[in-house]
Amino acid sequence: ELQLDITAEGVAVSEVEPSSIAQRVGFQKGDIILAINGEPVKTSKDVERAARVGAPLWEITINRNGQVLTTLQRG
């Protein structure tokens, strides 16, 4: 459905609900989360683990349509 490269690493964002954390962070459907706070993201469990740890500032690296972007968000 998202037409992603099957060799791509990271976690794909399949949906962004209104008023969700994903929307506040700026995720878009089809984004691939590559790293959170410098830690590589390979599975959804990696994202869950980062969320549980928490941080005052989040550095999130994504692949959006082939372009790698890094954003900083307050926790």
C-alpha atoms as a PDB file:
ATOM      1  CA  GLU A   1       0.000   0.000   0.000  1.00  0.00           C
ATOM      2  CA  LEU A   2       2.817   2.418   0.842  1.00  0.00           C
ATOM      3  CA  GLN A   3       4.947   1.178  -2.104  1.00  0.00           C
ATOM      4  CA  LEU A   4       8.147   1.089  -0.070  1.00  0.00           C
ATOM      5  CA  ASP A   5      11.449  -0.456  -1.072  1.00  0.00           C
ATOM      6  CA  ILE A   6      11.544  -3.878   0.608  1.00  0.00           C
ATOM      7  CA  THR A   7      15.254  -3.474   1.318  1.00  0.00           C
ATOM      8  CA  ALA A   8      14.700  -0.227   3.241  1.00  0.00           C
ATOM      9  CA  GLU A   9      15.499  -0.262   6.942  1.00  0.00           C
ATOM     10  CA  GLY A  10      13.495   1.523   9.593  1.00  0.00           C
ATOM     11  CA  VAL A  11       9.852   1.677  10.608  1.00  0.00           C
ATOM     12  CA  ALA A  12       7.235   2.962   8.169  1.00  0.00           C
ATOM     13  CA  VAL A  13       4.529   5.357   9.295  1.00  0.00           C
ATOM     14  CA  SER A  14       1.326   3.888   7.908  1.00  0.00           C
ATOM     15  CA  GLU A  15      -1.144   6.335   9.406  1.00  0.00           C
ATOM     16  CA  VAL A  16      -1.124   9.688  11.195  1.00  0.00           C
ATOM     17  CA  GLU A  17      -4.191  10.332  13.306  1.00  0.00           C
ATOM     18  CA  PRO A  18      -5.353  13.888  14.045  1.00  0.00           C
ATOM     19  CA  SER A  19      -4.117  15.214  17.407  1.00  0.00           C
ATOM     20  CA  SER A  20      -1.712  12.268  17.803  1.00  0.00           C
ATOM     21  CA  ILE A  21       1.915  12.419  18.873  1.00  0.00           C
ATOM     22  CA  ALA A  22       2.831  11.416  15.315  1.00  0.00           C
ATOM     23  CA  GLN A  23       1.006  14.467  13.966  1.00  0.00           C
ATOM     24  CA  ARG A  24       2.627  16.783  16.532  1.00  0.00           C
ATOM     25  CA  VAL A  25       6.067  15.458  15.564  1.00  0.00           C
ATOM     26  CA  GLY A  26       5.236  16.093  11.910  1.00  0.00           C
ATOM     27  CA  PHE A  27       5.205  12.530  10.594  1.00  0.00           C
ATOM     28  CA  GLN A  28       3.507  11.907   7.284  1.00  0.00           C
ATOM     29  CA  LYS A  29       2.112   8.662   5.918  1.00  0.00           C
ATOM     30  CA  GLY A  30       4.972   6.823   4.205  1.00  0.00           C
ATOM     31  CA  ASP A  31       7.762   8.336   6.316  1.00  0.00           C
ATOM     32  CA  ILE A  32      10.341   5.796   7.445  1.00  0.00           C
ATOM     33  CA  ILE A  33      11.737   6.348  10.935  1.00  0.00           C
ATOM     34  CA  LEU A  34      15.471   5.658  10.771  1.00  0.00           C
ATOM     35  CA  ALA A  35      16.712   6.775  14.200  1.00  0.00           C
ATOM     36  CA  ILE A  36      15.537   8.303  17.459  1.00  0.00           C
ATOM     37  CA  ASN A  37      18.079  10.199  19.578  1.00  0.00           C
ATOM     38  CA  GLY A  38      20.910   8.664  17.587  1.00  0.00           C
ATOM     39  CA  GLU A  39      19.718   5.085  18.102  1.00  0.00           C
ATOM     40  CA  PRO A  40      18.895   3.165  14.907  1.00  0.00           C
ATOM     41  CA  VAL A  41      15.268   2.107  14.506  1.00  0.00           C
ATOM     42  CA  LYS A  42      14.769  -1.278  12.889  1.00  0.00           C
ATOM     43  CA  THR A  43      11.473  -2.439  14.420  1.00  0.00           C
ATOM     44  CA  SER A  44       8.381  -0.935  16.024  1.00  0.00           C
ATOM     45  CA  LYS A  45       9.725  -2.253  19.347  1.00  0.00           C
ATOM     46  CA  ASP A  46      12.657   0.165  18.958  1.00  0.00           C
ATOM     47  CA  VAL A  47      10.174   3.053  18.675  1.00  0.00           C
ATOM     48  CA  GLU A  48       8.225   1.796  21.708  1.00  0.00           C
ATOM     49  CA  ARG A  49      11.441   1.471  23.730  1.00  0.00           C
ATOM     50  CA  ALA A  50      12.475   5.052  22.901  1.00  0.00           C
ATOM     51  CA  ALA A  51       9.015   6.332  23.859  1.00  0.00           C
ATOM     52  CA  ARG A  52       9.183   4.563  27.237  1.00  0.00           C
ATOM     53  CA  VAL A  53      12.613   6.022  28.034  1.00  0.00           C
ATOM     54  CA  GLY A  54      11.447   9.548  27.260  1.00  0.00           C
ATOM     55  CA  ALA A  55      13.628  12.589  26.667  1.00  0.00           C
ATOM     56  CA  PRO A  56      13.356  16.357  27.081  1.00  0.00           C
ATOM     57  CA  LEU A  57      14.465  16.755  23.454  1.00  0.00           C
ATOM     58  CA  TRP A  58      13.924  14.251  20.641  1.00  0.00           C
ATOM     59  CA  GLU A  59      16.149  14.012  17.598  1.00  0.00           C
ATOM     60  CA  ILE A  60      14.245  12.032  14.976  1.00  0.00           C
ATOM     61  CA  THR A  61      15.724  11.015  11.628  1.00  0.00           C
ATOM     62  CA  ILE A  62      13.338   9.945   8.872  1.00  0.00           C
ATOM     63  CA  ASN A  63      13.412   9.082   5.213  1.00  0.00           C
ATOM     64  CA  ARG A  64      10.678  10.992   3.380  1.00  0.00           C
ATOM     65  CA  ASN A  65      10.428  10.147  -0.304  1.00  0.00           C
ATOM     66  CA  GLY A  66      14.136   9.355  -0.515  1.00  0.00           C
ATOM     67  CA  GLN A  67      15.258  12.448   1.382  1.00  0.00           C
ATOM     68  CA  VAL A  68      16.776  11.949   4.852  1.00  0.00           C
ATOM     69  CA  LEU A  69      15.551  14.584   7.327  1.00  0.00           C
ATOM     70  CA  THR A  70      16.414  15.140  10.996  1.00  0.00           C
ATOM     71  CA  THR A  71      14.106  17.099  13.260  1.00  0.00           C
ATOM     72  CA  LEU A  72      14.330  18.188  16.878  1.00  0.00           C
ATOM     73  CA  GLN A  73      11.192  18.086  19.017  1.00  0.00           C
ATOM     74  CA  ARG A  74      10.641  18.944  22.658  1.00  0.00           C
ATOM     75  CA  GLY A  75       9.495  16.028  24.819  1.00  0.00           C
END
